[in-house]
PDB file of N, CA and C in Angstrom:
ATOM      1  N   MET A   1      19.317  -1.040-176.104  1.00  0.00           N
ATOM      2  CA  MET A   1      20.303  -0.427-174.189  1.00  0.00           C
ATOM      3  C   MET A   1      20.374  -2.414-174.234  1.00  0.00           C
ATOM      4  N   LYS A   2      18.934  -3.138-174.543  1.00  0.00           N
ATOM      5  CA  LYS A   2      19.007  -4.393-174.697  1.00  0.00           C
ATOM      6  C   LYS A   2      20.518  -4.989-176.215  1.00  0.00           C
ATOM      7  N   ASP A   3      20.636  -4.910-176.478  1.00  0.00           N
ATOM      8  CA  ASP A   3      20.984  -4.874-177.798  1.00  0.00           C
ATOM      9  C   ASP A   3      22.683  -4.760-176.889  1.00  0.00           C
ATOM     10  N   ALA A   4      23.510  -3.510-176.518  1.00  0.00           N
ATOM     11  CA  ALA A   4      24.350  -3.831-175.892  1.00  0.00           C
ATOM     12  C   ALA A   4      24.471  -4.756-174.899  1.00  0.00           C
ATOM     13  N   PHE A   5      23.826  -5.026-173.751  1.00  0.00           N
ATOM     14  CA  PHE A   5      23.845  -6.101-172.816  1.00  0.00           C
ATOM     15  C   PHE A   5      24.201  -7.076-172.856  1.00  0.00           C
ATOM     16  N   ASP A   6      23.491  -7.894-173.866  1.00  0.00           N
ATOM     17  CA  ASP A   6      23.695  -8.577-174.851  1.00  0.00           C
ATOM     18  C   ASP A   6      24.947  -9.017-176.243  1.00  0.00           C
ATOM     19  N   GLN A   7      25.189  -8.572-176.252  1.00  0.00           N
ATOM     20  CA  GLN A   7      26.164  -7.979-176.849  1.00  0.00           C
ATOM     21  C   GLN A   7      27.725  -8.383-176.010  1.00  0.00           C
ATOM     22  N   LEU A   8      27.661  -7.979-174.403  1.00  0.00           N
ATOM     23  CA  LEU A   8      28.270  -7.988-173.112  1.00  0.00           C
ATOM     24  C   LEU A   8      28.537  -9.219-172.624  1.00  0.00           C
ATOM     25  N   HIS A   9      27.598  -9.137-172.371  1.00  0.00           N
ATOM     26  CA  HIS A   9      26.893 -11.358-172.313  1.00  0.00           C
ATOM     27  C   HIS A   9      27.289 -12.130-173.123  1.00  0.00           C
ATOM     28  N   GLU A  10      27.447 -11.948-174.235  1.00  0.00           N
ATOM     29  CA  GLU A  10      28.076 -12.735-175.397  1.00  0.00           C
ATOM     30  C   GLU A  10      29.792 -12.583-175.574  1.00  0.00           C
ATOM     31  N   ARG A  11      30.109 -11.326-174.779  1.00  0.00           N
ATOM     32  CA  ARG A  11      32.296 -11.874-175.501  1.00  0.00           C
ATOM     33  C   ARG A  11      32.260 -11.783-174.342  1.00  0.00           C
ATOM     34  N   GLY A  12      32.093 -11.491-172.955  1.00  0.00           N
ATOM     35  CA  GLY A  12      31.647 -12.477-171.118  1.00  0.00           C
ATOM     36  C   GLY A  12      31.605 -13.678-171.425  1.00  0.00           C
ATOM     37  N   ASP A  13      30.838 -14.667-172.046  1.00  0.00           N
ATOM     38  CA  ASP A  13      30.368 -15.430-171.882  1.00  0.00           C
ATOM     39  C   ASP A  13      31.942 -16.480-172.934  1.00  0.00           C
ATOM     40  N   ALA A  14      32.245 -15.738-174.220  1.00  0.00           N
ATOM     41  CA  ALA A  14      33.447 -15.900-174.783  1.00  0.00           C
ATOM     42  C   ALA A  14      34.685 -16.050-173.967  1.00  0.00           C
ATOM     43  N   LEU A  15      35.021 -14.905-173.294  1.00  0.00           N
ATOM     44  CA  LEU A  15      35.952 -15.412-172.588  1.00  0.00           C
ATOM     45  C   LEU A  15      36.224 -15.575-171.363  1.00  0.00           C
ATOM     46  N   VAL A  16      35.079 -16.654-170.528  1.00  0.00           N
ATOM     47  CA  VAL A  16      35.001 -17.347-169.835  1.00  0.00           C
ATOM     48  C   VAL A  16      35.155 -18.765-170.456  1.00  0.00           C
ATOM     49  N   ARG A  17      34.194 -18.494-171.857  1.00  0.00           N
ATOM     50  CA  ARG A  17      34.921 -20.333-172.065  1.00  0.00           C
ATOM     51  C   ARG A  17      36.000 -20.369-172.500  1.00  0.00           C
ATOM     52  N   ARG A  18      36.928 -19.385-172.993  1.00  0.00           N
ATOM     53  CA  ARG A  18      38.122 -19.380-173.545  1.00  0.00           C
ATOM     54  C   ARG A  18      38.935 -19.257-172.080  1.00  0.00           C
ATOM     55  N   LEU A  19      39.193 -18.935-171.236  1.00  0.00           N
ATOM     56  CA  LEU A  19      39.819 -18.998-169.849  1.00  0.00           C
ATOM     57  C   LEU A  19      39.632 -20.562-169.151  1.00  0.00           C
ATOM     58  N   TRP A  20      38.278 -21.107-169.425  1.00  0.00           N
ATOM     59  CA  TRP A  20      37.769 -22.050-168.932  1.00  0.00           C
ATOM     60  C   TRP A  20      38.524 -23.903-169.036  1.00  0.00           C
ATOM     61  N   ASN A  21      38.218 -23.235-170.688  1.00  0.00           N
ATOM     62  CA  ASN A  21      38.699 -24.571-171.877  1.00  0.00           C
ATOM     63  C   ASN A  21      40.497 -24.659-171.690  1.00  0.00           C
ATOM     64  N   GLY A  22      40.827 -23.159-171.708  1.00  0.00           N
ATOM     65  CA  GLY A  22      42.698 -23.083-171.976  1.00  0.00           C
ATOM     66  C   GLY A  22      42.865 -23.430-170.146  1.00  0.00           C
ATOM     67  N   LEU A  23      42.233 -23.319-169.391  1.00  0.00           N
ATOM     68  CA  LEU A  23      43.141 -23.657-168.167  1.00  0.00           C
ATOM     69  C   LEU A  23      43.018 -25.665-168.235  1.00  0.00           C
ATOM     70  N   ALA A  24      41.324 -25.611-168.108  1.00  0.00           N
ATOM     71  CA  ALA A  24      41.209 -27.261-168.227  1.00  0.00           C
ATOM     72  C   ALA A  24      42.729 -27.901-169.270  1.00  0.00           C
ATOM     73  N   GLY A  25      42.799 -27.346-169.867  1.00  0.00           N
ATOM     74  CA  GLY A  25      43.541 -28.488-171.171  1.00  0.00           C
ATOM     75  C   GLY A  25      44.962 -27.768-170.195  1.00  0.00           C
ATOM     76  N   ILE A  26      45.291 -27.716-169.292  1.00  0.00           N
ATOM     77  CA  ILE A  26      46.664 -27.671-168.618  1.00  0.00           C
ATOM     78  C   ILE A  26      46.736 -28.948-167.556  1.00  0.00           C
ATOM     79  N   ASP A  27      47.308 -29.651-167.996  1.00  0.00           N
ATOM     80  CA  ASP A  27      47.930 -31.355-167.763  1.00  0.00           C
ATOM     81  C   ASP A  27      48.608 -30.731-165.696  1.00  0.00           C
ATOM     82  N   GLY A  28      48.038 -30.827-165.493  1.00  0.00           N
ATOM     83  CA  GLY A  28      48.196 -31.298-163.110  1.00  0.00           C
ATOM     84  C   GLY A  28      46.616 -29.584-162.954  1.00  0.00           C
ATOM     85  N   VAL A  29      45.984 -28.720-163.834  1.00  0.00           N
ATOM     86  CA  VAL A  29      45.078 -27.942-163.285  1.00  0.00           C
ATOM     87  C   VAL A  29      43.756 -28.474-163.744  1.00  0.00           C
ATOM     88  N   THR A  30      42.864 -28.431-162.145  1.00  0.00           N
ATOM     89  CA  THR A  30      41.595 -28.481-161.713  1.00  0.00           C
ATOM     90  C   THR A  30      40.685 -27.478-161.769  1.00  0.00           C
ATOM     91  N   VAL A  31      40.168 -27.452-162.855  1.00  0.00           N
ATOM     92  CA  VAL A  31      38.642 -26.434-162.810  1.00  0.00           C
ATOM     93  C   VAL A  31      37.809 -26.713-161.897  1.00  0.00           C
ATOM     94  N   TYR A  32      36.465 -25.741-161.100  1.00  0.00           N
ATOM     95  CA  TYR A  32      35.454 -26.194-160.560  1.00  0.00           C
ATOM     96  C   TYR A  32      34.340 -25.058-161.129  1.00  0.00           C
ATOM     97  N   GLY A  33      33.488 -26.144-160.781  1.00  0.00           N
ATOM     98  CA  GLY A  33      32.565 -24.725-161.063  1.00  0.00           C
ATOM     99  C   GLY A  33      31.653 -25.592-162.250  1.00  0.00           C
ATOM    100  N   PRO A  34      30.334 -24.736-162.614  1.00  0.00           N
ATOM    101  CA  PRO A  34      29.247 -25.498-163.918  1.00  0.00           C
ATOM    102  C   PRO A  34      30.453 -24.820-164.746  1.00  0.00           C
ATOM    103  N   GLU A  35      30.284 -25.710-165.606  1.00  0.00           N
ATOM    104  CA  GLU A  35      31.133 -25.329-167.145  1.00  0.00           C
ATOM    105  C   GLU A  35      30.719 -24.277-167.781  1.00  0.00           C
ATOM    106  N   PRO A  36      31.802 -23.556-169.212  1.00  0.00           N
ATOM    107  CA  PRO A  36      31.140 -22.166-169.764  1.00  0.00           C
ATOM    108  C   PRO A  36      29.464 -23.355-170.552  1.00  0.00           C
ATOM    109  N   GLY A  37      28.496 -21.782-171.017  1.00  0.00           N
ATOM    110  CA  GLY A  37      26.769 -22.014-171.157  1.00  0.00           C
ATOM    111  C   GLY A  37      26.183 -22.573-170.051  1.00  0.00           C
ATOM    112  N   LEU A  38      26.472 -23.141-168.975  1.00  0.00           N
ATOM    113  CA  LEU A  38      25.776 -23.305-168.312  1.00  0.00           C
ATOM    114  C   LEU A  38      25.268 -21.784-166.208  1.00  0.00           C
ATOM    115  N   PRO A  39      24.843 -21.241-166.245  1.00  0.00           N
ATOM    116  CA  PRO A  39      24.403 -20.551-165.163  1.00  0.00           C
ATOM    117  C   PRO A  39      25.414 -20.280-164.499  1.00  0.00           C
ATOM    118  N   ARG A  40      25.700 -19.374-164.691  1.00  0.00           N
ATOM    119  CA  ARG A  40      27.473 -19.063-163.963  1.00  0.00           C
ATOM    120  C   ARG A  40      28.211 -17.882-164.242  1.00  0.00           C
ATOM    121  N   THR A  41      28.442 -17.023-162.467  1.00  0.00           N
ATOM    122  CA  THR A  41      29.717 -15.466-162.637  1.00  0.00           C
ATOM    123  C   THR A  41      30.336 -16.072-163.781  1.00  0.00           C
ATOM    124  N   PRO A  42      31.012 -14.772-163.851  1.00  0.00           N
ATOM    125  CA  PRO A  42      32.115 -14.805-164.993  1.00  0.00           C
ATOM    126  C   PRO A  42      33.388 -15.186-164.420  1.00  0.00           C
ATOM    127  N   THR A  43      33.552 -16.305-163.935  1.00  0.00           N
ATOM    128  CA  THR A  43      34.880 -16.318-162.935  1.00  0.00           C
ATOM    129  C   THR A  43      34.447 -17.890-162.911  1.00  0.00           C
ATOM    130  N   VAL A  44      36.881 -17.993-162.984  1.00  0.00           N
ATOM    131  CA  VAL A  44      37.086 -19.348-162.407  1.00  0.00           C
ATOM    132  C   VAL A  44      37.535 -19.692-161.673  1.00  0.00           C
ATOM    133  N   ALA A  45      37.146 -21.103-160.870  1.00  0.00           N
ATOM    134  CA  ALA A  45      38.301 -20.948-159.600  1.00  0.00           C
ATOM    135  C   ALA A  45      38.815 -22.755-160.214  1.00  0.00           C
ATOM    136  N   PHE A  46      40.311 -22.629-159.635  1.00  0.00           N
ATOM    137  CA  PHE A  46      41.411 -23.686-160.119  1.00  0.00           C
ATOM    138  C   PHE A  46      42.486 -24.203-159.278  1.00  0.00           C
ATOM    139  N   THR A  47      42.687 -24.470-159.549  1.00  0.00           N
ATOM    140  CA  THR A  47      43.402 -25.837-158.064  1.00  0.00           C
ATOM    141  C   THR A  47      45.062 -26.181-159.613  1.00  0.00           C
ATOM    142  N   VAL A  48      46.187 -25.665-158.904  1.00  0.00           N
ATOM    143  CA  VAL A  48      47.221 -26.404-159.905  1.00  0.00           C
ATOM    144  C   VAL A  48      47.700 -27.259-158.450  1.00  0.00           C
ATOM    145  N   ARG A  49      47.811 -28.409-159.063  1.00  0.00           N
ATOM    146  CA  ARG A  49      48.222 -29.832-158.684  1.00  0.00           C
ATOM    147  C   ARG A  49      50.173 -29.332-157.853  1.00  0.00           C
ATOM    148  N   ASP A  50      49.802 -30.108-155.915  1.00  0.00           N
ATOM    149  CA  ASP A  50      51.237 -30.041-155.181  1.00  0.00           C
ATOM    150  C   ASP A  50      51.892 -28.339-155.299  1.00  0.00           C
ATOM    151  N   MET A  51      50.226 -27.199-155.915  1.00  0.00           N
ATOM    152  CA  MET A  51      50.427 -25.704-155.659  1.00  0.00           C
ATOM    153  C   MET A  51      49.636 -25.333-154.308  1.00  0.00           C
ATOM    154  N   LYS A  52      49.808 -24.878-153.832  1.00  0.00           N
ATOM    155  CA  LYS A  52      49.282 -23.992-152.749  1.00  0.00           C
ATOM    156  C   LYS A  52      48.288 -22.128-152.897  1.00  0.00           C
ATOM    157  N   SER A  53      47.205 -22.465-153.239  1.00  0.00           N
ATOM    158  CA  SER A  53      46.902 -21.041-154.032  1.00  0.00           C
ATOM    159  C   SER A  53      46.857 -19.777-153.886  1.00  0.00           C
ATOM    160  N   ARG A  54      47.663 -19.685-152.744  1.00  0.00           N
ATOM    161  CA  ARG A  54      48.278 -18.583-152.259  1.00  0.00           C
ATOM    162  C   ARG A  54      49.706 -18.732-153.347  1.00  0.00           C
ATOM    163  N   ASP A  55      50.529 -19.863-153.021  1.00  0.00           N
ATOM    164  CA  ASP A  55      51.637 -19.704-154.180  1.00  0.00           C
ATOM    165  C   ASP A  55      50.971 -19.539-155.688  1.00  0.00           C
ATOM    166  N   VAL A  56      50.222 -20.126-156.084  1.00  0.00           N
ATOM    167  CA  VAL A  56      50.334 -19.969-157.594  1.00  0.00           C
ATOM    168  C   VAL A  56      49.836 -18.419-157.550  1.00  0.00           C
ATOM    169  N   ALA A  57      49.032 -17.245-156.650  1.00  0.00           N
ATOM    170  CA  ALA A  57      48.137 -15.940-156.259  1.00  0.00           C
ATOM    171  C   ALA A  57      49.094 -15.187-156.911  1.00  0.00           C
ATOM    172  N   VAL A  58      50.758 -15.777-156.143  1.00  0.00           N
ATOM    173  CA  VAL A  58      52.505 -15.077-156.112  1.00  0.00           C
ATOM    174  C   VAL A  58      52.697 -14.861-157.207  1.00  0.00           C
ATOM    175  N   LYS A  59      53.189 -16.441-157.771  1.00  0.00           N
ATOM    176  CA  LYS A  59      53.855 -16.722-158.971  1.00  0.00           C
ATOM    177  C   LYS A  59      53.042 -15.984-160.597  1.00  0.00           C
ATOM    178  N   LEU A  60      51.492 -15.882-160.071  1.00  0.00           N
ATOM    179  CA  LEU A  60      51.062 -15.197-161.008  1.00  0.00           C
ATOM    180  C   LEU A  60      51.671 -13.418-160.986  1.00  0.00           C
ATOM    181  N   ALA A  61      51.382 -12.977-160.362  1.00  0.00           N
ATOM    182  CA  ALA A  61      51.743 -11.611-159.580  1.00  0.00           C
ATOM    183  C   ALA A  61      53.135 -11.683-159.794  1.00  0.00           C
ATOM    184  N   GLU A  62      53.556 -11.854-159.529  1.00  0.00           N
ATOM    185  CA  GLU A  62      55.100 -11.949-160.853  1.00  0.00           C
ATOM    186  C   GLU A  62      55.251 -11.696-161.814  1.00  0.00           C
ATOM    187  N   ARG A  63      54.137 -12.226-163.058  1.00  0.00           N
ATOM    188  CA  ARG A  63      54.457 -11.909-164.224  1.00  0.00           C
ATOM    189  C   ARG A  63      53.784 -10.897-164.813  1.00  0.00           C
ATOM    190  N   GLY A  64      52.551 -10.080-163.768  1.00  0.00           N
ATOM    191  CA  GLY A  64      51.586  -9.417-163.750  1.00  0.00           C
ATOM    192  C   GLY A  64      50.037  -9.701-163.963  1.00  0.00           C
ATOM    193  N   VAL A  65      49.712 -11.369-163.044  1.00  0.00           N
ATOM    194  CA  VAL A  65      48.204 -10.951-163.539  1.00  0.00           C
ATOM    195  C   VAL A  65      48.203 -11.926-162.732  1.00  0.00           C
ATOM    196  N   PHE A  66      47.344 -10.987-162.110  1.00  0.00           N
ATOM    197  CA  PHE A  66      46.524 -10.483-160.856  1.00  0.00           C
ATOM    198  C   PHE A  66      45.021 -12.054-160.613  1.00  0.00           C
ATOM    199  N   VAL A  67      45.318 -12.751-159.750  1.00  0.00           N
ATOM    200  CA  VAL A  67      43.878 -13.447-159.287  1.00  0.00           C
ATOM    201  C   VAL A  67      43.655 -13.388-158.162  1.00  0.00           C
ATOM    202  N   SER A  68      42.857 -14.256-156.872  1.00  0.00           N
ATOM    203  CA  SER A  68      42.422 -13.677-156.374  1.00  0.00           C
ATOM    204  C   SER A  68      42.710 -15.298-155.665  1.00  0.00           C
ATOM    205  N   HIS A  69      42.749 -15.446-154.342  1.00  0.00           N
ATOM    206  CA  HIS A  69      43.404 -16.437-153.583  1.00  0.00           C
ATOM    207  C   HIS A  69      42.779 -17.348-152.374  1.00  0.00           C
ATOM    208  N   GLY A  70      42.302 -18.429-151.447  1.00  0.00           N
ATOM    209  CA  GLY A  70      42.248 -18.842-151.057  1.00  0.00           C
ATOM    210  C   GLY A  70      40.405 -19.301-150.314  1.00  0.00           C
ATOM    211  N   ASP A  71      39.662 -19.052-149.405  1.00  0.00           N
ATOM    212  CA  ASP A  71      38.431 -20.155-149.824  1.00  0.00           C
ATOM    213  C   ASP A  71      37.655 -19.145-150.030  1.00  0.00           C
ATOM    214  N   PHE A  72      37.515 -17.885-149.647  1.00  0.00           N
ATOM    215  CA  PHE A  72      36.320 -17.101-151.133  1.00  0.00           C
ATOM    216  C   PHE A  72      34.719 -17.355-150.051  1.00  0.00           C
ATOM    217  N   TYR A  73      35.326 -17.091-147.904  1.00  0.00           N
ATOM    218  CA  TYR A  73      34.033 -16.952-147.069  1.00  0.00           C
ATOM    219  C   TYR A  73      32.940 -18.203-147.615  1.00  0.00           C
ATOM    220  N   ALA A  74      34.164 -19.578-148.592  1.00  0.00           N
ATOM    221  CA  ALA A  74      33.029 -20.785-148.707  1.00  0.00           C
ATOM    222  C   ALA A  74      33.453 -21.295-148.397  1.00  0.00           C
ATOM    223  N   LEU A  75      33.772 -22.112-146.999  1.00  0.00           N
ATOM    224  CA  LEU A  75      34.751 -23.077-145.823  1.00  0.00           C
ATOM    225  C   LEU A  75      33.874 -24.800-145.731  1.00  0.00           C
ATOM    226  N   THR A  76      32.922 -23.944-146.323  1.00  0.00           N
ATOM    227  CA  THR A  76      31.787 -25.827-145.863  1.00  0.00           C
ATOM    228  C   THR A  76      32.058 -26.070-147.880  1.00  0.00           C
ATOM    229  N   VAL A  77      32.413 -25.071-148.271  1.00  0.00           N
ATOM    230  CA  VAL A  77      32.254 -26.369-149.820  1.00  0.00           C
ATOM    231  C   VAL A  77      34.108 -26.194-150.540  1.00  0.00           C
ATOM    232  N   ILE A  78      34.415 -25.589-150.087  1.00  0.00           N
ATOM    233  CA  ILE A  78      36.106 -26.111-149.844  1.00  0.00           C
ATOM    234  C   ILE A  78      36.662 -27.314-148.920  1.00  0.00           C
ATOM    235  N   GLU A  79      36.058 -27.170-147.282  1.00  0.00           N
ATOM    236  CA  GLU A  79      35.822 -28.610-147.083  1.00  0.00           C
ATOM    237  C   GLU A  79      35.685 -29.921-148.233  1.00  0.00           C
ATOM    238  N   ARG A  80      34.698 -29.909-148.586  1.00  0.00           N
ATOM    239  CA  ARG A  80      33.799 -30.976-149.453  1.00  0.00           C
ATOM    240  C   ARG A  80      34.881 -31.106-150.224  1.00  0.00           C
ATOM    241  N   LEU A  81      35.198 -29.874-151.071  1.00  0.00           N
ATOM    242  CA  LEU A  81      36.557 -30.656-152.336  1.00  0.00           C
ATOM    243  C   LEU A  81      37.663 -31.261-152.321  1.00  0.00           C
ATOM    244  N   ASN A  82      38.321 -30.646-150.687  1.00  0.00           N
ATOM    245  CA  ASN A  82      38.903 -31.266-149.265  1.00  0.00           C
ATOM    246  C   ASN A  82      40.379 -30.562-149.838  1.00  0.00           C
ATOM    247  N   LEU A  83      39.883 -29.718-150.164  1.00  0.00           N
ATOM    248  CA  LEU A  83      40.972 -27.982-151.044  1.00  0.00           C
ATOM    249  C   LEU A  83      40.621 -27.283-149.033  1.00  0.00           C
ATOM    250  N   ALA A  84      40.550 -27.475-148.186  1.00  0.00           N
ATOM    251  CA  ALA A  84      41.102 -27.056-147.142  1.00  0.00           C
ATOM    252  C   ALA A  84      42.603 -26.033-146.632  1.00  0.00           C
ATOM    253  N   ASP A  85      43.502 -26.836-147.131  1.00  0.00           N
ATOM    254  CA  ASP A  85      44.865 -26.455-146.856  1.00  0.00           C
ATOM    255  C   ASP A  85      45.392 -26.005-147.673  1.00  0.00           C
ATOM    256  N   GLN A  86      44.776 -26.193-149.419  1.00  0.00           N
ATOM    257  CA  GLN A  86      45.464 -25.613-150.212  1.00  0.00           C
ATOM    258  C   GLN A  86      44.702 -24.472-151.075  1.00  0.00           C
ATOM    259  N   GLY A  87      43.252 -24.433-150.684  1.00  0.00           N
ATOM    260  CA  GLY A  87      42.299 -23.122-150.912  1.00  0.00           C
ATOM    261  C   GLY A  87      42.122 -23.616-152.570  1.00  0.00           C
ATOM    262  N   LEU A  88      41.599 -22.238-153.397  1.00  0.00           N
ATOM    263  CA  LEU A  88      41.080 -22.025-154.752  1.00  0.00           C
ATOM    264  C   LEU A  88      41.576 -21.423-155.130  1.00  0.00           C
ATOM    265  N   VAL A  89      42.404 -20.914-156.631  1.00  0.00           N
ATOM    266  CA  VAL A  89      42.203 -19.380-157.106  1.00  0.00           C
ATOM    267  C   VAL A  89      41.097 -19.606-158.396  1.00  0.00           C
ATOM    268  N   ARG A  90      41.445 -17.889-158.441  1.00  0.00           N
ATOM    269  CA  ARG A  90      39.864 -17.525-158.819  1.00  0.00           C
ATOM    270  C   ARG A  90      40.649 -16.030-159.718  1.00  0.00           C
ATOM    271  N   ALA A  91      39.573 -16.365-160.792  1.00  0.00           N
ATOM    272  CA  ALA A  91      40.107 -15.410-161.826  1.00  0.00           C
ATOM    273  C   ALA A  91      38.825 -14.591-162.433  1.00  0.00           C
ATOM    274  N   GLY A  92      38.296 -13.947-162.462  1.00  0.00           N
ATOM    275  CA  GLY A  92      36.769 -13.093-163.431  1.00  0.00           C
ATOM    276  C   GLY A  92      37.575 -12.447-164.800  1.00  0.00           C
ATOM    277  N   CYS A  93      36.191 -12.425-165.208  1.00  0.00           N
ATOM    278  CA  CYS A  93      36.492 -11.776-166.674  1.00  0.00           C
ATOM    279  C   CYS A  93      35.180 -10.741-166.384  1.00  0.00           C
ATOM    280  N   GLY A  94      35.905  -9.286-166.316  1.00  0.00           N
ATOM    281  CA  GLY A  94      35.194  -7.952-166.999  1.00  0.00           C
ATOM    282  C   GLY A  94      34.618  -7.378-168.367  1.00  0.00           C
ATOM    283  N   VAL A  95      34.119  -6.543-168.270  1.00  0.00           N
ATOM    284  CA  VAL A  95      33.498  -5.610-169.434  1.00  0.00           C
ATOM    285  C   VAL A  95      34.855  -5.595-169.738  1.00  0.00           C
ATOM    286  N   TYR A  96      35.991  -5.396-169.646  1.00  0.00           N
ATOM    287  CA  TYR A  96      37.096  -4.315-169.848  1.00  0.00           C
ATOM    288  C   TYR A  96      38.457  -5.398-169.410  1.00  0.00           C
ATOM    289  N   THR A  97      37.448  -6.373-169.640  1.00  0.00           N
ATOM    290  CA  THR A  97      39.051  -7.829-169.461  1.00  0.00           C
ATOM    291  C   THR A  97      38.970  -7.686-171.433  1.00  0.00           C
ATOM    292  N   THR A  98      40.503  -8.616-171.671  1.00  0.00           N
ATOM    293  CA  THR A  98      40.670  -8.919-173.329  1.00  0.00           C
ATOM    294  C   THR A  98      41.386 -10.744-173.601  1.00  0.00           C
ATOM    295  N   GLU A  99      41.410 -10.003-174.663  1.00  0.00           N
ATOM    296  CA  GLU A  99      41.259 -11.961-174.965  1.00  0.00           C
ATOM    297  C   GLU A  99      43.385 -12.160-174.133  1.00  0.00           C
ATOM    298  N   ASP A 100      43.649 -11.316-174.469  1.00  0.00           N
ATOM    299  CA  ASP A 100      44.987 -11.225-174.217  1.00  0.00           C
ATOM    300  C   ASP A 100      45.757 -11.260-172.922  1.00  0.00           C
ATOM    301  N   GLU A 101      44.532 -10.396-171.931  1.00  0.00           N
ATOM    302  CA  GLU A 101      44.852 -11.228-170.760  1.00  0.00           C
ATOM    303  C   GLU A 101      44.314 -11.915-170.313  1.00  0.00           C
ATOM    304  N   VAL A 102      43.342 -13.208-170.870  1.00  0.00           N
ATOM    305  CA  VAL A 102      42.684 -14.236-170.488  1.00  0.00           C
ATOM    306  C   VAL A 102      44.683 -15.432-170.640  1.00  0.00           C
ATOM    307  N   ASP A 103      44.963 -15.051-172.351  1.00  0.00           N
ATOM    308  CA  ASP A 103      45.869 -15.947-173.027  1.00  0.00           C
ATOM    309  C   ASP A 103      47.034 -15.988-171.649  1.00  0.00           C
ATOM    310  N   ARG A 104      47.371 -14.242-171.263  1.00  0.00           N
ATOM    311  CA  ARG A 104      49.008 -14.568-170.392  1.00  0.00           C
ATOM    312  C   ARG A 104      48.647 -15.232-169.476  1.00  0.00           C
ATOM    313  N   LEU A 105      46.993 -15.142-168.735  1.00  0.00           N
ATOM    314  CA  LEU A 105      46.380 -15.917-167.632  1.00  0.00           C
ATOM    315  C   LEU A 105      47.342 -17.511-167.443  1.00  0.00           C
ATOM    316  N   ILE A 106      46.417 -17.919-168.896  1.00  0.00           N
ATOM    317  CA  ILE A 106      46.790 -19.228-169.236  1.00  0.00           C
ATOM    318  C   ILE A 106      48.269 -19.873-169.621  1.00  0.00           C
ATOM    319  N   ALA A 107      49.070 -19.022-169.998  1.00  0.00           N
ATOM    320  CA  ALA A 107      50.124 -19.240-170.279  1.00  0.00           C
ATOM    321  C   ALA A 107      50.987 -19.336-168.847  1.00  0.00           C
ATOM    322  N   GLY A 108      51.407 -18.198-168.015  1.00  0.00           N
ATOM    323  CA  GLY A 108      50.681 -18.417-166.474  1.00  0.00           C
ATOM    324  C   GLY A 108      50.671 -19.500-165.996  1.00  0.00           C
ATOM    325  N   VAL A 109      49.877 -19.688-165.843  1.00  0.00           N
ATOM    326  CA  VAL A 109      49.838 -21.494-165.467  1.00  0.00           C
ATOM    327  C   VAL A 109      49.941 -22.150-165.808  1.00  0.00           C
ATOM    328  N   LYS A 110      50.119 -22.675-166.724  1.00  0.00           N
ATOM    329  CA  LYS A 110      50.995 -23.812-167.296  1.00  0.00           C
ATOM    330  C   LYS A 110      52.071 -23.387-167.445  1.00  0.00           C
ATOM    331  N   ALA A 111      52.943 -22.134-167.161  1.00  0.00           N
ATOM    332  CA  ALA A 111      53.881 -22.746-166.961  1.00  0.00           C
ATOM    333  C   ALA A 111      54.692 -23.050-165.188  1.00  0.00           C
ATOM    334  N   LEU A 112      53.934 -22.671-164.661  1.00  0.00           N
ATOM    335  CA  LEU A 112      52.851 -23.120-163.520  1.00  0.00           C
ATOM    336  C   LEU A 112      53.528 -24.909-163.249  1.00  0.00           C
ATOM    337  N   ALA A 113      52.796 -25.121-163.753  1.00  0.00           N
ATOM    338  CA  ALA A 113      51.486 -26.140-164.201  1.00  0.00           C
ATOM    339  C   ALA A 113      52.996 -27.668-164.507  1.00  0.00           C
TER     340      ALA A 113
END
């Protein structure tokens, strides 16, 4: 059982690293939170310059990529990041997430930026 969980954790870390690095490498995209390799959940929060988080989510959904958007009940954090008007986009990697899905998200965000 431990080996199975270790493998799932390693796979999740690799996907989050791929997502983080892919998004961080796009001009106009800012990622938030601890970098991969540090204790974190398998989600990445980001913004696209000059776009509200809702608009990013809608445009990605049109491409078949589904993400969350808003303040995620962390209004104090959002206000301190000066993102109250814009919000954050959040994408996560689960045990069922594929590399192709991560790559489609990155490509979609790149097209928007």
